[in-house]
Amino acid sequence: ALEVDDVLLIETDEGVVEYRVRRGDSVEVVANRLDVSRDAVRDA
């Protein structure tokens, strides 16, 4: 589970993206939203 309001620094093809976890977010949701792999979200 992702912690609500946590700030994740996620590696993408365009560089590091800062993302604040929203209520209802899961690893899959964030990965699809940012078009990155699930492993990238989990690592962050």
ModelCIF file with pLDDT and N, C-alpha, C, O atoms, coordinates in Angstrom:
data_MODEL
#
_entry.id   MODEL 
#
_entity.id                         1 
_entity.type                       polymer 
_entity.pdbx_number_of_molecules   1 
#
_entity_poly.entity_id                      1 
_entity_poly.type                           'polypeptide(L)' 
_entity_poly.nstd_linkage                   no 
_entity_poly.nstd_monomer                   no 
_entity_poly.pdbx_seq_one_letter_code       ALEVDDVLLIETDEGVVEYRVRRGDSVEVVANRLDVSRDAVRDA 
_entity_poly.pdbx_seq_one_letter_code_can   ALEVDDVLLIETDEGVVEYRVRRGDSVEVVANRLDVSRDAVRDA 
_entity_poly.pdbx_strand_id                 A 
#
loop_
_entity_poly_seq.entity_id 
_entity_poly_seq.num 
_entity_poly_seq.mon_id 
_entity_poly_seq.hetero 
1 1  ALA n 
1 2  LEU n 
1 3  GLU n 
1 4  VAL n 
1 5  ASP n 
1 6  ASP n 
1 7  VAL n 
1 8  LEU n 
1 9  LEU n 
1 10 ILE n 
1 11 GLU n 
1 12 THR n 
1 13 ASP n 
1 14 GLU n 
1 15 GLY n 
1 16 VAL n 
1 17 VAL n 
1 18 GLU n 
1 19 TYR n 
1 20 ARG n 
1 21 VAL n 
1 22 ARG n 
1 23 ARG n 
1 24 GLY n 
1 25 ASP n 
1 26 SER n 
1 27 VAL n 
1 28 GLU n 
1 29 VAL n 
1 30 VAL n 
1 31 ALA n 
1 32 ASN n 
1 33 ARG n 
1 34 LEU n 
1 35 ASP n 
1 36 VAL n 
1 37 SER n 
1 38 ARG n 
1 39 ASP n 
1 40 ALA n 
1 41 VAL n 
1 42 ARG n 
1 43 ASP n 
1 44 ALA n 
#
_struct_asym.id          A 
_struct_asym.entity_id   1 
#
loop_
_ma_qa_metric.id 
_ma_qa_metric.mode 
_ma_qa_metric.name 
_ma_qa_metric.software_group_id 
_ma_qa_metric.type 
1 global pLDDT . pLDDT 
2 local  pLDDT . pLDDT 
#
_ma_qa_metric_global.metric_id      1 
_ma_qa_metric_global.metric_value   84.16 
_ma_qa_metric_global.model_id       1 
_ma_qa_metric_global.ordinal_id     1 
#
loop_
_ma_qa_metric_local.label_asym_id 
_ma_qa_metric_local.label_comp_id 
_ma_qa_metric_local.label_seq_id 
_ma_qa_metric_local.metric_id 
_ma_qa_metric_local.metric_value 
_ma_qa_metric_local.model_id 
_ma_qa_metric_local.ordinal_id 
A ALA 1  2 83.00 1 1  
A LEU 2  2 85.00 1 2  
A GLU 3  2 84.00 1 3  
A VAL 4  2 80.00 1 4  
A ASP 5  2 82.00 1 5  
A ASP 6  2 86.00 1 6  
A VAL 7  2 87.00 1 7  
A LEU 8  2 86.00 1 8  
A LEU 9  2 86.00 1 9  
A ILE 10 2 86.00 1 10 
A GLU 11 2 80.00 1 11 
A THR 12 2 78.00 1 12 
A ASP 13 2 76.00 1 13 
A GLU 14 2 77.00 1 14 
A GLY 15 2 80.00 1 15 
A VAL 16 2 85.00 1 16 
A VAL 17 2 83.00 1 17 
A GLU 18 2 87.00 1 18 
A TYR 19 2 88.00 1 19 
A ARG 20 2 88.00 1 20 
A VAL 21 2 88.00 1 21 
A ARG 22 2 84.00 1 22 
A ARG 23 2 75.00 1 23 
A GLY 24 2 73.00 1 24 
A ASP 25 2 82.00 1 25 
A SER 26 2 83.00 1 26 
A VAL 27 2 86.00 1 27 
A GLU 28 2 85.00 1 28 
A VAL 29 2 85.00 1 29 
A VAL 30 2 86.00 1 30 
A ALA 31 2 85.00 1 31 
A ASN 32 2 86.00 1 32 
A ARG 33 2 85.00 1 33 
A LEU 34 2 84.00 1 34 
A ASP 35 2 85.00 1 35 
A VAL 36 2 87.00 1 36 
A SER 37 2 87.00 1 37 
A ARG 38 2 87.00 1 38 
A ASP 39 2 87.00 1 39 
A ALA 40 2 87.00 1 40 
A VAL 41 2 87.00 1 41 
A ARG 42 2 88.00 1 42 
A ASP 43 2 87.00 1 43 
A ALA 44 2 87.00 1 44 
#
loop_
_atom_site.group_PDB 
_atom_site.id 
_atom_site.type_symbol 
_atom_site.label_atom_id 
_atom_site.label_alt_id 
_atom_site.label_comp_id 
_atom_site.label_asym_id 
_atom_site.label_entity_id 
_atom_site.label_seq_id 
_atom_site.pdbx_PDB_ins_code 
_atom_site.Cartn_x 
_atom_site.Cartn_y 
_atom_site.Cartn_z 
_atom_site.occupancy 
_atom_site.B_iso_or_equiv 
_atom_site.pdbx_formal_charge 
_atom_site.auth_seq_id 
_atom_site.auth_comp_id 
_atom_site.auth_asym_id 
_atom_site.auth_atom_id 
_atom_site.pdbx_PDB_model_num 
ATOM 1   N N  . ALA A 1 1  ? 0.831  -1.214 0.000   1.00 83.00 ? 1  ALA A N  1 
ATOM 2   C CA . ALA A 1 1  ? 0.000  0.000  0.000   1.00 83.00 ? 1  ALA A CA 1 
ATOM 3   C C  . ALA A 1 1  ? 0.859  1.255  0.000   1.00 83.00 ? 1  ALA A C  1 
ATOM 4   O O  . ALA A 1 1  ? 1.921  1.302  0.621   1.00 83.00 ? 1  ALA A O  1 
ATOM 5   N N  . LEU A 1 2  ? 0.381  2.265  -0.706  1.00 85.00 ? 2  LEU A N  1 
ATOM 6   C CA . LEU A 1 2  ? 1.025  3.581  -0.708  1.00 85.00 ? 2  LEU A CA 1 
ATOM 7   C C  . LEU A 1 2  ? 0.432  4.432  0.405   1.00 85.00 ? 2  LEU A C  1 
ATOM 8   O O  . LEU A 1 2  ? -0.769 4.370  0.670   1.00 85.00 ? 2  LEU A O  1 
ATOM 9   N N  . GLU A 1 3  ? 1.276  5.227  1.057   1.00 84.00 ? 3  GLU A N  1 
ATOM 10  C CA . GLU A 1 3  ? 0.831  6.111  2.128   1.00 84.00 ? 3  GLU A CA 1 
ATOM 11  C C  . GLU A 1 3  ? 0.314  7.416  1.541   1.00 84.00 ? 3  GLU A C  1 
ATOM 12  O O  . GLU A 1 3  ? 1.011  8.090  0.782   1.00 84.00 ? 3  GLU A O  1 
ATOM 13  N N  . VAL A 1 4  ? -0.922 7.766  1.903   1.00 80.00 ? 4  VAL A N  1 
ATOM 14  C CA . VAL A 1 4  ? -1.516 9.009  1.425   1.00 80.00 ? 4  VAL A CA 1 
ATOM 15  C C  . VAL A 1 4  ? -0.653 10.201 1.844   1.00 80.00 ? 4  VAL A C  1 
ATOM 16  O O  . VAL A 1 4  ? -0.194 10.276 2.984   1.00 80.00 ? 4  VAL A O  1 
ATOM 17  N N  . ASP A 1 5  ? -0.436 11.136 0.901   1.00 82.00 ? 5  ASP A N  1 
ATOM 18  C CA . ASP A 1 5  ? 0.337  12.369 1.097   1.00 82.00 ? 5  ASP A CA 1 
ATOM 19  C C  . ASP A 1 5  ? 1.855  12.152 1.061   1.00 82.00 ? 5  ASP A C  1 
ATOM 20  O O  . ASP A 1 5  ? 2.617  13.113 1.172   1.00 82.00 ? 5  ASP A O  1 
ATOM 21  N N  . ASP A 1 6  ? 2.301  10.896 0.907   1.00 86.00 ? 6  ASP A N  1 
ATOM 22  C CA . ASP A 1 6  ? 3.740  10.686 0.716   1.00 86.00 ? 6  ASP A CA 1 
ATOM 23  C C  . ASP A 1 6  ? 4.166  11.291 -0.628  1.00 86.00 ? 6  ASP A C  1 
ATOM 24  O O  . ASP A 1 6  ? 3.422  11.219 -1.606  1.00 86.00 ? 6  ASP A O  1 
ATOM 25  N N  . VAL A 1 7  ? 5.350  11.882 -0.672  1.00 87.00 ? 7  VAL A N  1 
ATOM 26  C CA . VAL A 1 7  ? 5.882  12.442 -1.912  1.00 87.00 ? 7  VAL A CA 1 
ATOM 27  C C  . VAL A 1 7  ? 6.893  11.446 -2.492  1.00 87.00 ? 7  VAL A C  1 
ATOM 28  O O  . VAL A 1 7  ? 7.894  11.124 -1.853  1.00 87.00 ? 7  VAL A O  1 
ATOM 29  N N  . LEU A 1 8  ? 6.621  10.969 -3.697  1.00 86.00 ? 8  LEU A N  1 
ATOM 30  C CA . LEU A 1 8  ? 7.475  9.984  -4.353  1.00 86.00 ? 8  LEU A CA 1 
ATOM 31  C C  . LEU A 1 8  ? 8.309  10.659 -5.445  1.00 86.00 ? 8  LEU A C  1 
ATOM 32  O O  . LEU A 1 8  ? 7.800  11.468 -6.221  1.00 86.00 ? 8  LEU A O  1 
ATOM 33  N N  . LEU A 1 9  ? 9.579  10.319 -5.489  1.00 86.00 ? 9  LEU A N  1 
ATOM 34  C CA . LEU A 1 9  ? 10.465 10.787 -6.560  1.00 86.00 ? 9  LEU A CA 1 
ATOM 35  C C  . LEU A 1 9  ? 10.651 9.619  -7.512  1.00 86.00 ? 9  LEU A C  1 
ATOM 36  O O  . LEU A 1 9  ? 11.393 8.681  -7.220  1.00 86.00 ? 9  LEU A O  1 
ATOM 37  N N  . ILE A 1 10 ? 9.964  9.680  -8.666  1.00 86.00 ? 10 ILE A N  1 
ATOM 38  C CA . ILE A 1 10 ? 9.873  8.532  -9.571  1.00 86.00 ? 10 ILE A CA 1 
ATOM 39  C C  . ILE A 1 10 ? 10.692 8.793  -10.831 1.00 86.00 ? 10 ILE A C  1 
ATOM 40  O O  . ILE A 1 10 ? 10.569 9.837  -11.471 1.00 86.00 ? 10 ILE A O  1 
ATOM 41  N N  . GLU A 1 11 ? 11.528 7.819  -11.166 1.00 80.00 ? 11 GLU A N  1 
ATOM 42  C CA . GLU A 1 11 ? 12.338 7.900  -12.382 1.00 80.00 ? 11 GLU A CA 1 
ATOM 43  C C  . GLU A 1 11 ? 11.462 7.634  -13.608 1.00 80.00 ? 11 GLU A C  1 
ATOM 44  O O  . GLU A 1 11 ? 10.801 6.599  -13.689 1.00 80.00 ? 11 GLU A O  1 
ATOM 45  N N  . THR A 1 12 ? 11.457 8.570  -14.562 1.00 78.00 ? 12 THR A N  1 
ATOM 46  C CA . THR A 1 12 ? 10.738 8.391  -15.823 1.00 78.00 ? 12 THR A CA 1 
ATOM 47  C C  . THR A 1 12 ? 11.708 8.629  -16.983 1.00 78.00 ? 12 THR A C  1 
ATOM 48  O O  . THR A 1 12 ? 12.866 8.988  -16.772 1.00 78.00 ? 12 THR A O  1 
ATOM 49  N N  . ASP A 1 13 ? 11.224 8.424  -18.198 1.00 76.00 ? 13 ASP A N  1 
ATOM 50  C CA . ASP A 1 13 ? 12.061 8.661  -19.379 1.00 76.00 ? 13 ASP A CA 1 
ATOM 51  C C  . ASP A 1 13 ? 12.460 10.123 -19.511 1.00 76.00 ? 13 ASP A C  1 
ATOM 52  O O  . ASP A 1 13 ? 13.459 10.440 -20.157 1.00 76.00 ? 13 ASP A O  1 
ATOM 53  N N  . GLU A 1 14 ? 11.696 11.005 -18.909 1.00 77.00 ? 14 GLU A N  1 
ATOM 54  C CA . GLU A 1 14 ? 11.950 12.445 -19.015 1.00 77.00 ? 14 GLU A CA 1 
ATOM 55  C C  . GLU A 1 14 ? 12.630 13.003 -17.768 1.00 77.00 ? 14 GLU A C  1 
ATOM 56  O O  . GLU A 1 14 ? 12.758 14.217 -17.610 1.00 77.00 ? 14 GLU A O  1 
ATOM 57  N N  . GLY A 1 15 ? 13.066 12.100 -16.882 1.00 80.00 ? 15 GLY A N  1 
ATOM 58  C CA . GLY A 1 15 ? 13.720 12.544 -15.664 1.00 80.00 ? 15 GLY A CA 1 
ATOM 59  C C  . GLY A 1 15 ? 12.916 12.177 -14.424 1.00 80.00 ? 15 GLY A C  1 
ATOM 60  O O  . GLY A 1 15 ? 11.967 11.396 -14.489 1.00 80.00 ? 15 GLY A O  1 
ATOM 61  N N  . VAL A 1 16 ? 13.312 12.750 -13.304 1.00 85.00 ? 16 VAL A N  1 
ATOM 62  C CA . VAL A 1 16 ? 12.651 12.454 -12.030 1.00 85.00 ? 16 VAL A CA 1 
ATOM 63  C C  . VAL A 1 16 ? 11.385 13.291 -11.904 1.00 85.00 ? 16 VAL A C  1 
ATOM 64  O O  . VAL A 1 16 ? 11.403 14.508 -12.092 1.00 85.00 ? 16 VAL A O  1 
ATOM 65  N N  . VAL A 1 17 ? 10.265 12.603 -11.574 1.00 83.00 ? 17 VAL A N  1 
ATOM 66  C CA . VAL A 1 17 ? 8.979  13.278 -11.384 1.00 83.00 ? 17 VAL A CA 1 
ATOM 67  C C  . VAL A 1 17 ? 8.599  13.198 -9.910  1.00 83.00 ? 17 VAL A C  1 
ATOM 68  O O  . VAL A 1 17 ? 8.694  12.144 -9.282  1.00 83.00 ? 17 VAL A O  1 
ATOM 69  N N  . GLU A 1 18 ? 8.172  14.329 -9.378  1.00 87.00 ? 18 GLU A N  1 
ATOM 70  C CA . GLU A 1 18 ? 7.703  14.368 -7.991  1.00 87.00 ? 18 GLU A CA 1 
ATOM 71  C C  . GLU A 1 18 ? 6.201  14.139 -7.972  1.00 87.00 ? 18 GLU A C  1 
ATOM 72  O O  . GLU A 1 18 ? 5.456  14.845 -8.651  1.00 87.00 ? 18 GLU A O  1 
ATOM 73  N N  . TYR A 1 19 ? 5.752  13.156 -7.197  1.00 88.00 ? 19 TYR A N  1 
ATOM 74  C CA . TYR A 1 19 ? 4.318  12.815 -7.174  1.00 88.00 ? 19 TYR A CA 1 
ATOM 75  C C  . TYR A 1 19 ? 3.849  12.654 -5.729  1.00 88.00 ? 19 TYR A C  1 
ATOM 76  O O  . TYR A 1 19 ? 4.469  11.936 -4.944  1.00 88.00 ? 19 TYR A O  1 
ATOM 77  N N  . ARG A 1 20 ? 2.758  13.323 -5.387  1.00 88.00 ? 20 ARG A N  1 
ATOM 78  C CA . ARG A 1 20 ? 2.162  13.198 -4.052  1.00 88.00 ? 20 ARG A CA 1 
ATOM 79  C C  . ARG A 1 20 ? 1.027  12.178 -4.111  1.00 88.00 ? 20 ARG A C  1 
ATOM 80  O O  . ARG A 1 20 ? 0.111  12.303 -4.925  1.00 88.00 ? 20 ARG A O  1 
ATOM 81  N N  . VAL A 1 21 ? 1.093  11.187 -3.260  1.00 88.00 ? 21 VAL A N  1 
ATOM 82  C CA . VAL A 1 21 ? 0.097  10.103 -3.260  1.00 88.00 ? 21 VAL A CA 1 
ATOM 83  C C  . VAL A 1 21 ? -1.253 10.632 -2.810  1.00 88.00 ? 21 VAL A C  1 
ATOM 84  O O  . VAL A 1 21 ? -1.365 11.310 -1.789  1.00 88.00 ? 21 VAL A O  1 
ATOM 85  N N  . ARG A 1 22 ? -2.283 10.305 -3.597  1.00 84.00 ? 22 ARG A N  1 
ATOM 86  C CA . ARG A 1 22 ? -3.647 10.722 -3.280  1.00 84.00 ? 22 ARG A CA 1 
ATOM 87  C C  . ARG A 1 22 ? -4.415 9.560  -2.661  1.00 84.00 ? 22 ARG A C  1 
ATOM 88  O O  . ARG A 1 22 ? -4.013 8.402  -2.779  1.00 84.00 ? 22 ARG A O  1 
ATOM 89  N N  . ARG A 1 23 ? -5.526 9.882  -2.002  1.00 75.00 ? 23 ARG A N  1 
ATOM 90  C CA . ARG A 1 23 ? -6.369 8.833  -1.441  1.00 75.00 ? 23 ARG A CA 1 
ATOM 91  C C  . ARG A 1 23 ? -6.918 7.969  -2.578  1.00 75.00 ? 23 ARG A C  1 
ATOM 92  O O  . ARG A 1 23 ? -7.420 8.490  -3.573  1.00 75.00 ? 23 ARG A O  1 
ATOM 93  N N  . GLY A 1 24 ? -6.821 6.661  -2.426  1.00 73.00 ? 24 GLY A N  1 
ATOM 94  C CA . GLY A 1 24 ? -7.297 5.752  -3.456  1.00 73.00 ? 24 GLY A CA 1 
ATOM 95  C C  . GLY A 1 24 ? -6.227 5.316  -4.428  1.00 73.00 ? 24 GLY A C  1 
ATOM 96  O O  . GLY A 1 24 ? -6.466 4.432  -5.251  1.00 73.00 ? 24 GLY A O  1 
ATOM 97  N N  . ASP A 1 25 ? -5.032 5.925  -4.353  1.00 82.00 ? 25 ASP A N  1 
ATOM 98  C CA . ASP A 1 25 ? -3.940 5.542  -5.246  1.00 82.00 ? 25 ASP A CA 1 
ATOM 99  C C  . ASP A 1 25 ? -3.399 4.163  -4.867  1.00 82.00 ? 25 ASP A C  1 
ATOM 100 O O  . ASP A 1 25 ? -3.304 3.822  -3.687  1.00 82.00 ? 25 ASP A O  1 
ATOM 101 N N  . SER A 1 26 ? -3.050 3.387  -5.872  1.00 83.00 ? 26 SER A N  1 
ATOM 102 C CA . SER A 1 26 ? -2.317 2.139  -5.704  1.00 83.00 ? 26 SER A CA 1 
ATOM 103 C C  . SER A 1 26 ? -1.089 2.206  -6.605  1.00 83.00 ? 26 SER A C  1 
ATOM 104 O O  . SER A 1 26 ? -0.936 3.137  -7.395  1.00 83.00 ? 26 SER A O  1 
ATOM 105 N N  . VAL A 1 27 ? -0.224 1.220  -6.480  1.00 86.00 ? 27 VAL A N  1 
ATOM 106 C CA . VAL A 1 27 ? 0.962  1.193  -7.343  1.00 86.00 ? 27 VAL A CA 1 
ATOM 107 C C  . VAL A 1 27 ? 0.543  1.181  -8.808  1.00 86.00 ? 27 VAL A C  1 
ATOM 108 O O  . VAL A 1 27 ? 1.124  1.882  -9.637  1.00 86.00 ? 27 VAL A O  1 
ATOM 109 N N  . GLU A 1 28 ? -0.484 0.366  -9.121  1.00 85.00 ? 28 GLU A N  1 
ATOM 110 C CA . GLU A 1 28 ? -0.957 0.261  -10.497 1.00 85.00 ? 28 GLU A CA 1 
ATOM 111 C C  . GLU A 1 28 ? -1.526 1.581  -11.003 1.00 85.00 ? 28 GLU A C  1 
ATOM 112 O O  . GLU A 1 28 ? -1.271 1.981  -12.139 1.00 85.00 ? 28 GLU A O  1 
ATOM 113 N N  . VAL A 1 29 ? -2.295 2.253  -10.155 1.00 85.00 ? 29 VAL A N  1 
ATOM 114 C CA . VAL A 1 29 ? -2.918 3.524  -10.556 1.00 85.00 ? 29 VAL A CA 1 
ATOM 115 C C  . VAL A 1 29 ? -1.852 4.571  -10.864 1.00 85.00 ? 29 VAL A C  1 
ATOM 116 O O  . VAL A 1 29 ? -1.918 5.251  -11.888 1.00 85.00 ? 29 VAL A O  1 
ATOM 117 N N  . VAL A 1 30 ? -0.865 4.697  -9.970  1.00 86.00 ? 30 VAL A N  1 
ATOM 118 C CA . VAL A 1 30 ? 0.188  5.699  -10.167 1.00 86.00 ? 30 VAL A CA 1 
ATOM 119 C C  . VAL A 1 30 ? 1.029  5.352  -11.393 1.00 86.00 ? 30 VAL A C  1 
ATOM 120 O O  . VAL A 1 30 ? 1.403  6.241  -12.158 1.00 86.00 ? 30 VAL A O  1 
ATOM 121 N N  . ALA A 1 31 ? 1.331  4.063  -11.588 1.00 85.00 ? 31 ALA A N  1 
ATOM 122 C CA . ALA A 1 31 ? 2.120  3.652  -12.745 1.00 85.00 ? 31 ALA A CA 1 
ATOM 123 C C  . ALA A 1 31 ? 1.413  4.003  -14.051 1.00 85.00 ? 31 ALA A C  1 
ATOM 124 O O  . ALA A 1 31 ? 2.036  4.493  -14.992 1.00 85.00 ? 31 ALA A O  1 
ATOM 125 N N  . ASN A 1 32 ? 0.113  3.749  -14.099 1.00 86.00 ? 32 ASN A N  1 
ATOM 126 C CA . ASN A 1 32 ? -0.653 4.077  -15.310 1.00 86.00 ? 32 ASN A CA 1 
ATOM 127 C C  . ASN A 1 32 ? -0.766 5.582  -15.506 1.00 86.00 ? 32 ASN A C  1 
ATOM 128 O O  . ASN A 1 32 ? -0.722 6.072  -16.634 1.00 86.00 ? 32 ASN A O  1 
ATOM 129 N N  . ARG A 1 33 ? -0.913 6.314  -14.400 1.00 85.00 ? 33 ARG A N  1 
ATOM 130 C CA . ARG A 1 33 ? -1.085 7.764  -14.495 1.00 85.00 ? 33 ARG A CA 1 
ATOM 131 C C  . ARG A 1 33 ? 0.180  8.432  -15.026 1.00 85.00 ? 33 ARG A C  1 
ATOM 132 O O  . ARG A 1 33 ? 0.100  9.391  -15.794 1.00 85.00 ? 33 ARG A O  1 
ATOM 133 N N  . LEU A 1 34 ? 1.338  7.934  -14.625 1.00 84.00 ? 34 LEU A N  1 
ATOM 134 C CA . LEU A 1 34 ? 2.605  8.555  -15.029 1.00 84.00 ? 34 LEU A CA 1 
ATOM 135 C C  . LEU A 1 34 ? 3.267  7.829  -16.192 1.00 84.00 ? 34 LEU A C  1 
ATOM 136 O O  . LEU A 1 34 ? 4.322  8.237  -16.677 1.00 84.00 ? 34 LEU A O  1 
ATOM 137 N N  . ASP A 1 35 ? 2.620  6.726  -16.639 1.00 85.00 ? 35 ASP A N  1 
ATOM 138 C CA . ASP A 1 35 ? 3.152  5.927  -17.735 1.00 85.00 ? 35 ASP A CA 1 
ATOM 139 C C  . ASP A 1 35 ? 4.568  5.434  -17.419 1.00 85.00 ? 35 ASP A C  1 
ATOM 140 O O  . ASP A 1 35 ? 5.497  5.593  -18.212 1.00 85.00 ? 35 ASP A O  1 
ATOM 141 N N  . VAL A 1 36 ? 4.697  4.826  -16.223 1.00 87.00 ? 36 VAL A N  1 
ATOM 142 C CA . VAL A 1 36 ? 5.974  4.241  -15.814 1.00 87.00 ? 36 VAL A CA 1 
ATOM 143 C C  . VAL A 1 36 ? 5.712  2.809  -15.364 1.00 87.00 ? 36 VAL A C  1 
ATOM 144 O O  . VAL A 1 36 ? 4.559  2.388  -15.270 1.00 87.00 ? 36 VAL A O  1 
ATOM 145 N N  . SER A 1 37 ? 6.756  2.073  -15.091 1.00 87.00 ? 37 SER A N  1 
ATOM 146 C CA . SER A 1 37 ? 6.594  0.695  -14.630 1.00 87.00 ? 37 SER A CA 1 
ATOM 147 C C  . SER A 1 37 ? 6.167  0.666  -13.169 1.00 87.00 ? 37 SER A C  1 
ATOM 148 O O  . SER A 1 37 ? 6.385  1.619  -12.422 1.00 87.00 ? 37 SER A O  1 
ATOM 149 N N  . ARG A 1 38 ? 5.561  -0.433 -12.783 1.00 87.00 ? 38 ARG A N  1 
ATOM 150 C CA . ARG A 1 38 ? 5.176  -0.590 -11.376 1.00 87.00 ? 38 ARG A CA 1 
ATOM 151 C C  . ARG A 1 38 ? 6.406  -0.666 -10.484 1.00 87.00 ? 38 ARG A C  1 
ATOM 152 O O  . ARG A 1 38 ? 6.391  -0.188 -9.350  1.00 87.00 ? 38 ARG A O  1 
ATOM 153 N N  . ASP A 1 39 ? 7.477  -1.272 -11.006 1.00 87.00 ? 39 ASP A N  1 
ATOM 154 C CA . ASP A 1 39 ? 8.711  -1.356 -10.216 1.00 87.00 ? 39 ASP A CA 1 
ATOM 155 C C  . ASP A 1 39 ? 9.257  0.025  -9.893  1.00 87.00 ? 39 ASP A C  1 
ATOM 156 O O  . ASP A 1 39 ? 9.812  0.239  -8.815  1.00 87.00 ? 39 ASP A O  1 
ATOM 157 N N  . ALA A 1 40 ? 9.102  0.968  -10.827 1.00 87.00 ? 40 ALA A N  1 
ATOM 158 C CA . ALA A 1 40 ? 9.591  2.331  -10.582 1.00 87.00 ? 40 ALA A CA 1 
ATOM 159 C C  . ALA A 1 40 ? 8.825  2.979  -9.440  1.00 87.00 ? 40 ALA A C  1 
ATOM 160 O O  . ALA A 1 40 ? 9.406  3.675  -8.607  1.00 87.00 ? 40 ALA A O  1 
ATOM 161 N N  . VAL A 1 41 ? 7.513  2.746  -9.406  1.00 87.00 ? 41 VAL A N  1 
ATOM 162 C CA . VAL A 1 41 ? 6.689  3.308  -8.316  1.00 87.00 ? 41 VAL A CA 1 
ATOM 163 C C  . VAL A 1 41 ? 7.043  2.638  -7.000  1.00 87.00 ? 41 VAL A C  1 
ATOM 164 O O  . VAL A 1 41 ? 7.191  3.310  -5.979  1.00 87.00 ? 41 VAL A O  1 
ATOM 165 N N  . ARG A 1 42 ? 7.181  1.307  -7.015  1.00 88.00 ? 42 ARG A N  1 
ATOM 166 C CA . ARG A 1 42 ? 7.515  0.592  -5.787  1.00 88.00 ? 42 ARG A CA 1 
ATOM 167 C C  . ARG A 1 42 ? 8.878  1.013  -5.251  1.00 88.00 ? 42 ARG A C  1 
ATOM 168 O O  . ARG A 1 42 ? 9.045  1.180  -4.043  1.00 88.00 ? 42 ARG A O  1 
ATOM 169 N N  . ASP A 1 43 ? 9.850  1.186  -6.140  1.00 87.00 ? 43 ASP A N  1 
ATOM 170 C CA . ASP A 1 43 ? 11.183 1.604  -5.696  1.00 87.00 ? 43 ASP A CA 1 
ATOM 171 C C  . ASP A 1 43 ? 11.123 2.983  -5.047  1.00 87.00 ? 43 ASP A C  1 
ATOM 172 O O  . ASP A 1 43 ? 11.773 3.223  -4.030  1.00 87.00 ? 43 ASP A O  1 
ATOM 173 N N  . ALA A 1 44 ? 10.344 3.890  -5.636  1.00 87.00 ? 44 ALA A N  1 
ATOM 174 C CA . ALA A 1 44 ? 10.231 5.247  -5.087  1.00 87.00 ? 44 ALA A CA 1 
ATOM 175 C C  . ALA A 1 44 ? 9.554  5.236  -3.720  1.00 87.00 ? 44 ALA A C  1 
ATOM 176 O O  . ALA A 1 44 ? 9.376  6.290  -3.110  1.00 87.00 ? 44 ALA A O  1 
#
